[in-house]
Amino acid sequence: MCRASCTTPKRRKRAVNQHLHAERWTLAQPVEITGVGLHTGEPAQLRLHPYQGGLRVRKGGSEFPVRWDYVRDTHRAVTLGNGGFTLGTVEHLLAAFWALGITDCLIEVLQGREVPILDGSALPFIETIESSGGTVRVSVDDDALTWHGGTMPVLESVWVQEADRTVGVLPGNLYAFGYIQFPEPLSEQGGYFDLRQFREQIAPARTFGFLHEVETLRQQGLAQGGSLENVLLIAPDGYYNNARFENEPLRHKILDVMGDLMLCGARLSDFVLVAVKPGHTLDVLLAQAIAQRLPLWLARMEAYNG
């Protein structure tokens, strides 16, 4: 059982992880992302548009918000959907949005059912957006401001637990504490990271998988687009291909959590993340628990600001 508890814009490039609070940011210009889907193996293409109105996904005449209540699957990746269309493996793109401070973007699906996996990390998304003009501030009338798409500081602790697994956030200065445990040779990995250094410490960490699972996953219709170009593969005697960090799997788990938390309906700031054996299902439950607190946090901020 899971338990949740709560104890005309001026163009410029922005530093990753700048505190924004009430500010909202979008892309300076449209950006196209092309590649293959990790699980489908199909061609995948997105166009990211400057936008005012939070994060949304559109395909043809259908669209939906990027939010926890539109999650349709959390097995091996997060899939969002509404009606007949879905978009899978959204977490790496959303982690890049968090790093760049992007709170508003229209994600147009041009081809495929997944976000392109690229190199398996969040870094190519960050680099592509930065090289295409960076971000600009969204002008929003104060009376029309909602936190669906805005940046919200964490004002109280929120936790979700399931057996020996825990994910939570508490007010703090942008640090992450993580712990994962898998069978040998990966075994245990733990550490803490400065999220103000997300680009350098977390964004390059790739998705990972175990050699002995590859055939089973492919029989299940998963990992069809996985390769040594986009997955850190773990063999019985250790990393099969070169790791970017000694604890790259742990760092990637932190990346996943950061992307999944964007589903709460706001970009979080001023927090410490604790992630003990995290996974997409638990991450989304935390996003839901935070989403339920956002109206109270906003009311507290409005009262404080008088």
C-alpha atoms as a PDB file:
ATOM      1  CA  MET A   1       0.000   0.000   0.000  1.00  0.00           C
ATOM      2  CA  CYS A   2       1.225   3.476  -0.848  1.00  0.00           C
ATOM      3  CA  ARG A   3       0.978   6.282   1.673  1.00  0.00           C
ATOM      4  CA  ALA A   4       1.223   9.985   0.903  1.00  0.00           C
ATOM      5  CA  SER A   5       1.833  12.529   3.636  1.00  0.00           C
ATOM      6  CA  CYS A   6       2.405  16.250   3.864  1.00  0.00           C
ATOM      7  CA  THR A   7       4.111  17.411   7.001  1.00  0.00           C
ATOM      8  CA  THR A   8       6.380  41.570 -25.658  1.00  0.00           C
ATOM      9  CA  PRO A   9       9.045  39.356 -23.963  1.00  0.00           C
ATOM     10  CA  LYS A  10      12.739  40.217 -23.928  1.00  0.00           C
ATOM     11  CA  ARG A  11      14.832  37.436 -25.433  1.00  0.00           C
ATOM     12  CA  ARG A  12      17.850  36.128 -23.591  1.00  0.00           C
ATOM     13  CA  LYS A  13      19.555  32.892 -22.735  1.00  0.00           C
ATOM     14  CA  ARG A  14      19.152  31.879 -19.107  1.00  0.00           C
ATOM     15  CA  ALA A  15      21.327  30.074 -16.649  1.00  0.00           C
ATOM     16  CA  VAL A  16      20.111  26.594 -15.785  1.00  0.00           C
ATOM     17  CA  ASN A  17      18.353  26.338 -12.417  1.00  0.00           C
ATOM     18  CA  GLN A  18      17.917  30.075 -11.759  1.00  0.00           C
ATOM     19  CA  HIS A  19      15.252  30.671  -9.097  1.00  0.00           C
ATOM     20  CA  LEU A  20      12.153  31.955 -10.874  1.00  0.00           C
ATOM     21  CA  HIS A  21       9.260  31.733  -8.401  1.00  0.00           C
ATOM     22  CA  ALA A  22       6.391  33.640 -10.055  1.00  0.00           C
ATOM     23  CA  GLU A  23       8.173  33.878 -13.390  1.00  0.00           C
ATOM     24  CA  ARG A  24       7.194  31.709 -16.317  1.00  0.00           C
ATOM     25  CA  TRP A  25       9.392  30.864 -19.274  1.00  0.00           C
ATOM     26  CA  THR A  26       8.903  29.349 -22.700  1.00  0.00           C
ATOM     27  CA  LEU A  27      11.014  28.669 -25.780  1.00  0.00           C
ATOM     28  CA  ALA A  28      12.310  31.607 -27.791  1.00  0.00           C
ATOM     29  CA  GLN A  29      11.349  29.848 -31.025  1.00  0.00           C
ATOM     30  CA  PRO A  30      10.020  26.474 -32.218  1.00  0.00           C
ATOM     31  CA  VAL A  31      12.358  23.506 -31.910  1.00  0.00           C
ATOM     32  CA  GLU A  32      12.121  20.120 -33.634  1.00  0.00           C
ATOM     33  CA  ILE A  33      13.286  16.918 -31.954  1.00  0.00           C
ATOM     34  CA  THR A  34      13.704  13.845 -34.157  1.00  0.00           C
ATOM     35  CA  GLY A  35      14.810  10.307 -33.369  1.00  0.00           C
ATOM     36  CA  VAL A  36      13.355   6.923 -32.470  1.00  0.00           C
ATOM     37  CA  GLY A  37      11.204   5.739 -29.599  1.00  0.00           C
ATOM     38  CA  LEU A  38      13.007   3.686 -26.962  1.00  0.00           C
ATOM     39  CA  HIS A  39      10.228   1.138 -26.568  1.00  0.00           C
ATOM     40  CA  THR A  40       8.419   1.216 -29.918  1.00  0.00           C
ATOM     41  CA  GLY A  41      11.544   1.503 -32.064  1.00  0.00           C
ATOM     42  CA  GLU A  42       9.463   3.675 -34.388  1.00  0.00           C
ATOM     43  CA  PRO A  43      10.485   7.040 -35.861  1.00  0.00           C
ATOM     44  CA  ALA A  44       9.534   9.817 -33.459  1.00  0.00           C
ATOM     45  CA  GLN A  45       9.321  13.538 -34.117  1.00  0.00           C
ATOM     46  CA  LEU A  46       8.158  16.442 -31.966  1.00  0.00           C
ATOM     47  CA  ARG A  47       7.914  20.172 -32.527  1.00  0.00           C
ATOM     48  CA  LEU A  48       8.191  22.252 -29.359  1.00  0.00           C
ATOM     49  CA  HIS A  49       6.376  25.576 -29.633  1.00  0.00           C
ATOM     50  CA  PRO A  50       6.597  28.790 -27.604  1.00  0.00           C
ATOM     51  CA  TYR A  51       3.405  28.887 -25.581  1.00  0.00           C
ATOM     52  CA  GLN A  52       1.486  30.606 -22.811  1.00  0.00           C
ATOM     53  CA  GLY A  53      -0.675  28.234 -20.842  1.00  0.00           C
ATOM     54  CA  GLY A  54       1.481  25.641 -19.123  1.00  0.00           C
ATOM     55  CA  LEU A  55       2.731  22.411 -20.663  1.00  0.00           C
ATOM     56  CA  ARG A  56       0.461  20.698 -23.173  1.00  0.00           C
ATOM     57  CA  VAL A  57       0.666  17.890 -25.736  1.00  0.00           C
ATOM     58  CA  ARG A  58      -1.077  18.197 -29.097  1.00  0.00           C
ATOM     59  CA  LYS A  59      -1.558  15.827 -32.009  1.00  0.00           C
ATOM     60  CA  GLY A  60      -3.844  16.911 -34.816  1.00  0.00           C
ATOM     61  CA  GLY A  61      -6.974  18.319 -33.231  1.00  0.00           C
ATOM     62  CA  SER A  62      -6.504  16.626 -29.856  1.00  0.00           C
ATOM     63  CA  GLU A  63      -4.519  17.910 -26.902  1.00  0.00           C
ATOM     64  CA  PHE A  64      -4.155  17.496 -23.159  1.00  0.00           C
ATOM     65  CA  PRO A  65      -2.162  19.005 -20.290  1.00  0.00           C
ATOM     66  CA  VAL A  66       1.074  17.503 -19.040  1.00  0.00           C
ATOM     67  CA  ARG A  67      -0.251  16.472 -15.653  1.00  0.00           C
ATOM     68  CA  TRP A  68      -0.426  13.488 -13.323  1.00  0.00           C
ATOM     69  CA  ASP A  69      -4.112  12.809 -14.010  1.00  0.00           C
ATOM     70  CA  TYR A  70      -3.310  12.211 -17.693  1.00  0.00           C
ATOM     71  CA  VAL A  71      -0.810   9.449 -16.926  1.00  0.00           C
ATOM     72  CA  ARG A  72      -1.871   6.239 -18.646  1.00  0.00           C
ATOM     73  CA  ASP A  73       1.075   3.948 -17.883  1.00  0.00           C
ATOM     74  CA  THR A  74       4.185   3.937 -15.685  1.00  0.00           C
ATOM     75  CA  HIS A  75       5.754   0.612 -16.700  1.00  0.00           C
ATOM     76  CA  ARG A  76       9.379   1.299 -17.713  1.00  0.00           C
ATOM     77  CA  ALA A  77       8.468   4.887 -18.682  1.00  0.00           C
ATOM     78  CA  VAL A  78       5.721   7.460 -18.195  1.00  0.00           C
ATOM     79  CA  THR A  79       3.023   7.522 -20.858  1.00  0.00           C
ATOM     80  CA  LEU A  80       0.510  10.369 -21.030  1.00  0.00           C
ATOM     81  CA  GLY A  81      -2.722  10.195 -22.954  1.00  0.00           C
ATOM     82  CA  ASN A  82      -6.254  11.368 -23.537  1.00  0.00           C
ATOM     83  CA  GLY A  83      -8.805   9.563 -25.612  1.00  0.00           C
ATOM     84  CA  GLY A  84      -7.209   7.734 -28.498  1.00  0.00           C
ATOM     85  CA  PHE A  85      -3.703   9.151 -28.495  1.00  0.00           C
ATOM     86  CA  THR A  86      -0.778   8.773 -26.128  1.00  0.00           C
ATOM     87  CA  LEU A  87       2.787  10.013 -25.808  1.00  0.00           C
ATOM     88  CA  GLY A  88       5.292   7.808 -24.035  1.00  0.00           C
ATOM     89  CA  THR A  89       8.690   8.250 -22.388  1.00  0.00           C
ATOM     90  CA  VAL A  90       8.074  11.901 -21.529  1.00  0.00           C
ATOM     91  CA  GLU A  91      10.293  12.045 -18.435  1.00  0.00           C
ATOM     92  CA  HIS A  92      13.638  12.995 -20.038  1.00  0.00           C
ATOM     93  CA  LEU A  93      12.136  15.920 -21.944  1.00  0.00           C
ATOM     94  CA  LEU A  94      10.339  17.105 -18.811  1.00  0.00           C
ATOM     95  CA  ALA A  95      13.571  16.903 -16.822  1.00  0.00           C
ATOM     96  CA  ALA A  96      15.200  19.134 -19.443  1.00  0.00           C
ATOM     97  CA  PHE A  97      12.308  21.582 -19.080  1.00  0.00           C
ATOM     98  CA  TRP A  98      12.900  21.688 -15.331  1.00  0.00           C
ATOM     99  CA  ALA A  99      16.615  22.346 -15.818  1.00  0.00           C
ATOM    100  CA  LEU A 100      15.967  25.201 -18.248  1.00  0.00           C
ATOM    101  CA  GLY A 101      13.155  26.709 -16.187  1.00  0.00           C
ATOM    102  CA  ILE A 102      10.616  26.056 -18.943  1.00  0.00           C
ATOM    103  CA  THR A 103       7.103  26.235 -17.541  1.00  0.00           C
ATOM    104  CA  ASP A 104       5.118  26.779 -20.750  1.00  0.00           C
ATOM    105  CA  CYS A 105       5.458  24.786 -23.969  1.00  0.00           C
ATOM    106  CA  LEU A 106       3.186  23.198 -26.536  1.00  0.00           C
ATOM    107  CA  ILE A 107       4.546  19.765 -27.446  1.00  0.00           C
ATOM    108  CA  GLU A 108       3.277  18.910 -30.916  1.00  0.00           C
ATOM    109  CA  VAL A 109       3.520  15.254 -31.920  1.00  0.00           C
ATOM    110  CA  LEU A 110       4.433  15.042 -35.602  1.00  0.00           C
ATOM    111  CA  GLN A 111       5.266  11.345 -35.764  1.00  0.00           C
ATOM    112  CA  GLY A 112       5.317   8.338 -33.481  1.00  0.00           C
ATOM    113  CA  ARG A 113       4.027   7.495 -30.024  1.00  0.00           C
ATOM    114  CA  GLU A 114       7.056   8.381 -27.923  1.00  0.00           C
ATOM    115  CA  VAL A 115       9.374  11.245 -27.171  1.00  0.00           C
ATOM    116  CA  PRO A 116      12.604  10.485 -29.080  1.00  0.00           C
ATOM    117  CA  ILE A 117      15.091   8.733 -26.817  1.00  0.00           C
ATOM    118  CA  LEU A 118      18.106  10.532 -28.386  1.00  0.00           C
ATOM    119  CA  ASP A 119      21.135   9.407 -26.337  1.00  0.00           C
ATOM    120  CA  GLY A 120      19.043   8.189 -23.393  1.00  0.00           C
ATOM    121  CA  SER A 121      19.618  11.258 -21.227  1.00  0.00           C
ATOM    122  CA  ALA A 122      18.194  14.776 -20.864  1.00  0.00           C
ATOM    123  CA  LEU A 123      21.282  16.577 -22.119  1.00  0.00           C
ATOM    124  CA  PRO A 124      20.487  16.593 -25.882  1.00  0.00           C
ATOM    125  CA  PHE A 125      17.120  18.243 -25.187  1.00  0.00           C
ATOM    126  CA  ILE A 126      18.826  20.966 -23.156  1.00  0.00           C
ATOM    127  CA  GLU A 127      21.502  21.548 -25.786  1.00  0.00           C
ATOM    128  CA  THR A 128      19.021  21.635 -28.677  1.00  0.00           C
ATOM    129  CA  ILE A 129      16.792  24.199 -26.978  1.00  0.00           C
ATOM    130  CA  GLU A 130      19.755  26.357 -25.971  1.00  0.00           C
ATOM    131  CA  SER A 131      21.244  26.274 -29.469  1.00  0.00           C
ATOM    132  CA  SER A 132      17.878  27.299 -30.934  1.00  0.00           C
ATOM    133  CA  GLY A 133      17.649  30.569 -29.040  1.00  0.00           C
ATOM    134  CA  GLY A 134      17.125  29.545 -25.439  1.00  0.00           C
ATOM    135  CA  THR A 135      14.092  30.792 -23.539  1.00  0.00           C
ATOM    136  CA  VAL A 136      12.036  33.939 -23.082  1.00  0.00           C
ATOM    137  CA  ARG A 137       9.858  35.088 -20.245  1.00  0.00           C
ATOM    138  CA  VAL A 138       6.103  34.646 -20.571  1.00  0.00           C
ATOM    139  CA  SER A 139       4.088  37.754 -19.745  1.00  0.00           C
ATOM    140  CA  VAL A 140       1.070  36.782 -17.670  1.00  0.00           C
ATOM    141  CA  ASP A 141      -1.389  39.171 -16.061  1.00  0.00           C
ATOM    142  CA  ASP A 142      -1.271  38.674 -12.287  1.00  0.00           C
ATOM    143  CA  ASP A 143      -5.038  38.241 -12.139  1.00  0.00           C
ATOM    144  CA  ALA A 144      -4.812  35.425 -14.667  1.00  0.00           C
ATOM    145  CA  LEU A 145      -1.809  33.678 -13.095  1.00  0.00           C
ATOM    146  CA  THR A 146      -2.215  30.052 -12.160  1.00  0.00           C
ATOM    147  CA  TRP A 147       0.503  27.706 -11.004  1.00  0.00           C
ATOM    148  CA  HIS A 148      -0.277  25.261 -13.771  1.00  0.00           C
ATOM    149  CA  GLY A 149       2.840  26.125 -15.689  1.00  0.00           C
ATOM    150  CA  GLY A 150       4.430  28.396 -13.112  1.00  0.00           C
ATOM    151  CA  THR A 151       7.330  27.831 -10.733  1.00  0.00           C
ATOM    152  CA  MET A 152       6.370  27.082  -7.141  1.00  0.00           C
ATOM    153  CA  PRO A 153       8.693  26.840  -4.139  1.00  0.00           C
ATOM    154  CA  VAL A 154       8.084  23.806  -1.957  1.00  0.00           C
ATOM    155  CA  LEU A 155       6.554  25.089   1.297  1.00  0.00           C
ATOM    156  CA  GLU A 156       6.185  21.857   3.272  1.00  0.00           C
ATOM    157  CA  SER A 157       7.307  18.255   3.253  1.00  0.00           C
ATOM    158  CA  VAL A 158       5.400  15.820   1.050  1.00  0.00           C
ATOM    159  CA  TRP A 159       6.202  12.090   1.069  1.00  0.00           C
ATOM    160  CA  VAL A 160       4.980   8.928  -0.617  1.00  0.00           C
ATOM    161  CA  GLN A 161       5.987   5.517   0.704  1.00  0.00           C
ATOM    162  CA  GLU A 162       5.508   1.936  -0.424  1.00  0.00           C
ATOM    163  CA  ALA A 163       7.173  -0.775   1.660  1.00  0.00           C
ATOM    164  CA  ASP A 164      10.903   0.084   1.691  1.00  0.00           C
ATOM    165  CA  ARG A 165      10.601   2.662  -1.084  1.00  0.00           C
ATOM    166  CA  THR A 166      10.200   6.387  -0.420  1.00  0.00           C
ATOM    167  CA  VAL A 167      10.173   9.558  -2.469  1.00  0.00           C
ATOM    168  CA  GLY A 168       9.586  12.994  -1.042  1.00  0.00           C
ATOM    169  CA  VAL A 169      10.348  16.684  -1.155  1.00  0.00           C
ATOM    170  CA  LEU A 170      10.897  19.166   1.651  1.00  0.00           C
ATOM    171  CA  PRO A 171      11.780  22.860   1.694  1.00  0.00           C
ATOM    172  CA  GLY A 172      15.464  23.381   1.014  1.00  0.00           C
ATOM    173  CA  ASN A 173      18.238  24.532  -1.279  1.00  0.00           C
ATOM    174  CA  LEU A 174      17.976  22.274  -4.340  1.00  0.00           C
ATOM    175  CA  TYR A 175      19.727  19.087  -3.329  1.00  0.00           C
ATOM    176  CA  ALA A 176      18.832  15.493  -4.098  1.00  0.00           C
ATOM    177  CA  PHE A 177      19.584  12.455  -1.950  1.00  0.00           C
ATOM    178  CA  GLY A 178      19.185   9.145  -3.752  1.00  0.00           C
ATOM    179  CA  TYR A 179      19.566   5.432  -3.091  1.00  0.00           C
ATOM    180  CA  ILE A 180      18.937   2.471  -5.390  1.00  0.00           C
ATOM    181  CA  GLN A 181      19.371  -1.266  -4.947  1.00  0.00           C
ATOM    182  CA  PHE A 182      19.558  -3.878  -7.689  1.00  0.00           C
ATOM    183  CA  PRO A 183      21.041  -7.372  -7.991  1.00  0.00           C
ATOM    184  CA  GLU A 184      24.767  -7.720  -8.621  1.00  0.00           C
ATOM    185  CA  PRO A 185      26.779  -6.373 -10.294  1.00  0.00           C
ATOM    186  CA  LEU A 186      24.979  -3.040  -9.832  1.00  0.00           C
ATOM    187  CA  SER A 187      24.133  -3.731  -6.194  1.00  0.00           C
ATOM    188  CA  GLU A 188      23.661  -0.531  -4.150  1.00  0.00           C
ATOM    189  CA  GLN A 189      24.302   3.059  -5.151  1.00  0.00           C
ATOM    190  CA  GLY A 190      23.701   6.112  -2.998  1.00  0.00           C
ATOM    191  CA  GLY A 191      24.685   9.745  -3.009  1.00  0.00           C
ATOM    192  CA  TYR A 192      23.624  13.363  -2.926  1.00  0.00           C
ATOM    193  CA  PHE A 193      23.693  15.917  -5.713  1.00  0.00           C
ATOM    194  CA  ASP A 194      23.472  19.675  -6.075  1.00  0.00           C
ATOM    195  CA  LEU A 195      20.484  20.244  -8.358  1.00  0.00           C
ATOM    196  CA  ARG A 196      21.863  23.682  -9.199  1.00  0.00           C
ATOM    197  CA  GLN A 197      24.440  21.636 -11.118  1.00  0.00           C
ATOM    198  CA  PHE A 198      21.763  19.530 -12.816  1.00  0.00           C
ATOM    199  CA  ARG A 199      23.211  20.006 -16.287  1.00  0.00           C
ATOM    200  CA  GLU A 200      26.626  18.698 -15.278  1.00  0.00           C
ATOM    201  CA  GLN A 201      25.736  16.155 -12.596  1.00  0.00           C
ATOM    202  CA  ILE A 202      22.391  14.684 -13.658  1.00  0.00           C
ATOM    203  CA  ALA A 203      21.355  15.582 -17.223  1.00  0.00           C
ATOM    204  CA  PRO A 204      24.034  13.437 -18.986  1.00  0.00           C
ATOM    205  CA  ALA A 205      23.042  10.245 -17.130  1.00  0.00           C
ATOM    206  CA  ARG A 206      21.467   7.725 -19.516  1.00  0.00           C
ATOM    207  CA  THR A 207      18.698   5.238 -19.074  1.00  0.00           C
ATOM    208  CA  PHE A 208      20.055   1.837 -18.126  1.00  0.00           C
ATOM    209  CA  GLY A 209      19.099  -1.779 -18.519  1.00  0.00           C
ATOM    210  CA  PHE A 210      20.318  -5.273 -17.741  1.00  0.00           C
ATOM    211  CA  LEU A 211      21.644  -7.581 -20.433  1.00  0.00           C
ATOM    212  CA  HIS A 212      19.688 -10.539 -19.083  1.00  0.00           C
ATOM    213  CA  GLU A 213      16.406  -8.602 -19.436  1.00  0.00           C
ATOM    214  CA  VAL A 214      16.793  -7.519 -23.056  1.00  0.00           C
ATOM    215  CA  GLU A 215      15.189 -10.542 -24.694  1.00  0.00           C
ATOM    216  CA  THR A 216      12.253 -10.592 -22.273  1.00  0.00           C
ATOM    217  CA  LEU A 217      11.598  -6.886 -22.745  1.00  0.00           C
ATOM    218  CA  ARG A 218      11.612  -7.226 -26.517  1.00  0.00           C
ATOM    219  CA  GLN A 219       9.214 -10.153 -26.346  1.00  0.00           C
ATOM    220  CA  GLN A 220       6.928  -7.816 -24.377  1.00  0.00           C
ATOM    221  CA  GLY A 221       7.152  -5.216 -27.143  1.00  0.00           C
ATOM    222  CA  LEU A 222       9.488  -2.980 -25.126  1.00  0.00           C
ATOM    223  CA  ALA A 223      13.022  -1.678 -25.724  1.00  0.00           C
ATOM    224  CA  GLN A 224      12.608  -2.069 -29.494  1.00  0.00           C
ATOM    225  CA  GLY A 225      14.636   1.106 -30.049  1.00  0.00           C
ATOM    226  CA  GLY A 226      17.223   0.453 -27.360  1.00  0.00           C
ATOM    227  CA  SER A 227      20.881   0.277 -28.383  1.00  0.00           C
ATOM    228  CA  LEU A 228      24.344   0.927 -27.020  1.00  0.00           C
ATOM    229  CA  GLU A 229      23.921   4.461 -28.388  1.00  0.00           C
ATOM    230  CA  ASN A 230      21.109   5.277 -25.971  1.00  0.00           C
ATOM    231  CA  VAL A 231      21.247   2.787 -23.092  1.00  0.00           C
ATOM    232  CA  LEU A 232      23.857   2.034 -20.446  1.00  0.00           C
ATOM    233  CA  LEU A 233      23.852  -1.763 -20.539  1.00  0.00           C
ATOM    234  CA  ILE A 234      24.725  -3.738 -17.432  1.00  0.00           C
ATOM    235  CA  ALA A 235      26.229  -7.193 -17.997  1.00  0.00           C
ATOM    236  CA  PRO A 236      26.936  -9.855 -15.329  1.00  0.00           C
ATOM    237  CA  ASP A 237      30.477  -8.538 -14.885  1.00  0.00           C
ATOM    238  CA  GLY A 238      29.660  -4.816 -14.909  1.00  0.00           C
ATOM    239  CA  TYR A 239      28.949  -2.044 -17.398  1.00  0.00           C
ATOM    240  CA  TYR A 240      28.942  -3.407 -20.953  1.00  0.00           C
ATOM    241  CA  ASN A 241      29.528   0.004 -22.542  1.00  0.00           C
ATOM    242  CA  ASN A 242      31.360   2.976 -21.101  1.00  0.00           C
ATOM    243  CA  ALA A 243      29.630   4.701 -18.195  1.00  0.00           C
ATOM    244  CA  ARG A 244      29.640   8.486 -18.001  1.00  0.00           C
ATOM    245  CA  PHE A 245      29.677   8.328 -14.194  1.00  0.00           C
ATOM    246  CA  GLU A 246      30.549   5.533 -11.807  1.00  0.00           C
ATOM    247  CA  ASN A 247      27.030   5.816 -10.373  1.00  0.00           C
ATOM    248  CA  GLU A 248      25.258   6.702 -13.626  1.00  0.00           C
ATOM    249  CA  PRO A 249      22.160   4.560 -12.862  1.00  0.00           C
ATOM    250  CA  LEU A 250      21.574   6.439  -9.597  1.00  0.00           C
ATOM    251  CA  ARG A 251      21.943   9.772 -11.353  1.00  0.00           C
ATOM    252  CA  HIS A 252      19.506   8.680 -14.051  1.00  0.00           C
ATOM    253  CA  LYS A 253      16.956   7.716 -11.408  1.00  0.00           C
ATOM    254  CA  ILE A 254      17.210  11.255 -10.018  1.00  0.00           C
ATOM    255  CA  LEU A 255      16.733  12.578 -13.567  1.00  0.00           C
ATOM    256  CA  ASP A 256      13.585  10.481 -13.936  1.00  0.00           C
ATOM    257  CA  VAL A 257      12.145  11.750 -10.662  1.00  0.00           C
ATOM    258  CA  MET A 258      12.794  15.362 -11.641  1.00  0.00           C
ATOM    259  CA  GLY A 259      10.985  14.839 -14.931  1.00  0.00           C
ATOM    260  CA  ASP A 260       8.103  12.990 -13.301  1.00  0.00           C
ATOM    261  CA  LEU A 261       7.605  15.755 -10.735  1.00  0.00           C
ATOM    262  CA  MET A 262       6.813  18.189 -13.556  1.00  0.00           C
ATOM    263  CA  LEU A 263       3.504  16.297 -13.708  1.00  0.00           C
ATOM    264  CA  CYS A 264       2.369  18.000 -10.493  1.00  0.00           C
ATOM    265  CA  GLY A 265       1.251  21.022 -12.537  1.00  0.00           C
ATOM    266  CA  ALA A 266       4.116  23.327 -11.579  1.00  0.00           C
ATOM    267  CA  ARG A 267       7.878  23.541 -11.830  1.00  0.00           C
ATOM    268  CA  LEU A 268       9.141  23.085  -8.286  1.00  0.00           C
ATOM    269  CA  SER A 269      11.909  25.174  -6.736  1.00  0.00           C
ATOM    270  CA  ASP A 270      13.526  25.585  -3.306  1.00  0.00           C
ATOM    271  CA  PHE A 271      13.388  21.957  -2.245  1.00  0.00           C
ATOM    272  CA  VAL A 272      15.381  18.919  -1.240  1.00  0.00           C
ATOM    273  CA  LEU A 273      14.500  15.665  -2.984  1.00  0.00           C
ATOM    274  CA  VAL A 274      14.788  12.334  -1.202  1.00  0.00           C
ATOM    275  CA  ALA A 275      14.498   9.282  -3.450  1.00  0.00           C
ATOM    276  CA  VAL A 276      14.955   5.816  -1.940  1.00  0.00           C
ATOM    277  CA  LYS A 277      14.397   3.121  -4.570  1.00  0.00           C
ATOM    278  CA  PRO A 278      12.307   5.471  -6.721  1.00  0.00           C
ATOM    279  CA  GLY A 279      10.277   4.402  -9.729  1.00  0.00           C
ATOM    280  CA  HIS A 280       7.810   6.012 -12.096  1.00  0.00           C
ATOM    281  CA  THR A 281       4.704   4.761 -10.292  1.00  0.00           C
ATOM    282  CA  LEU A 282       5.855   6.145  -6.951  1.00  0.00           C
ATOM    283  CA  ASP A 283       7.112   9.354  -8.586  1.00  0.00           C
ATOM    284  CA  VAL A 284       3.708  10.027 -10.132  1.00  0.00           C
ATOM    285  CA  LEU A 285       1.998   9.432  -6.789  1.00  0.00           C
ATOM    286  CA  LEU A 286       4.294  12.075  -5.302  1.00  0.00           C
ATOM    287  CA  ALA A 287       3.430  14.457  -8.145  1.00  0.00           C
ATOM    288  CA  GLN A 288      -0.254  13.880  -7.382  1.00  0.00           C
ATOM    289  CA  ALA A 289       0.261  14.522  -3.667  1.00  0.00           C
ATOM    290  CA  ILE A 290       2.118  17.753  -4.420  1.00  0.00           C
ATOM    291  CA  ALA A 291      -0.577  18.829  -6.890  1.00  0.00           C
ATOM    292  CA  GLN A 292      -3.144  18.541  -4.125  1.00  0.00           C
ATOM    293  CA  ARG A 293      -1.069  20.921  -1.983  1.00  0.00           C
ATOM    294  CA  LEU A 294      -0.452  23.585  -4.638  1.00  0.00           C
ATOM    295  CA  PRO A 295      -3.644  25.620  -3.984  1.00  0.00           C
ATOM    296  CA  LEU A 296      -2.741  25.851  -0.286  1.00  0.00           C
ATOM    297  CA  TRP A 297       0.828  26.847  -1.065  1.00  0.00           C
ATOM    298  CA  LEU A 298      -0.380  29.511  -3.471  1.00  0.00           C
ATOM    299  CA  ALA A 299      -2.776  30.878  -0.839  1.00  0.00           C
ATOM    300  CA  ARG A 300       0.065  31.051   1.675  1.00  0.00           C
ATOM    301  CA  MET A 301       2.254  32.938  -0.783  1.00  0.00           C
ATOM    302  CA  GLU A 302      -0.552  35.371  -1.599  1.00  0.00           C
ATOM    303  CA  ALA A 303      -1.158  35.984   2.110  1.00  0.00           C
ATOM    304  CA  TYR A 304       2.554  36.509   2.728  1.00  0.00           C
ATOM    305  CA  ASN A 305       2.835  38.963  -0.159  1.00  0.00           C
ATOM    306  CA  GLY A 306      -0.135  40.849   1.220  1.00  0.00           C
END
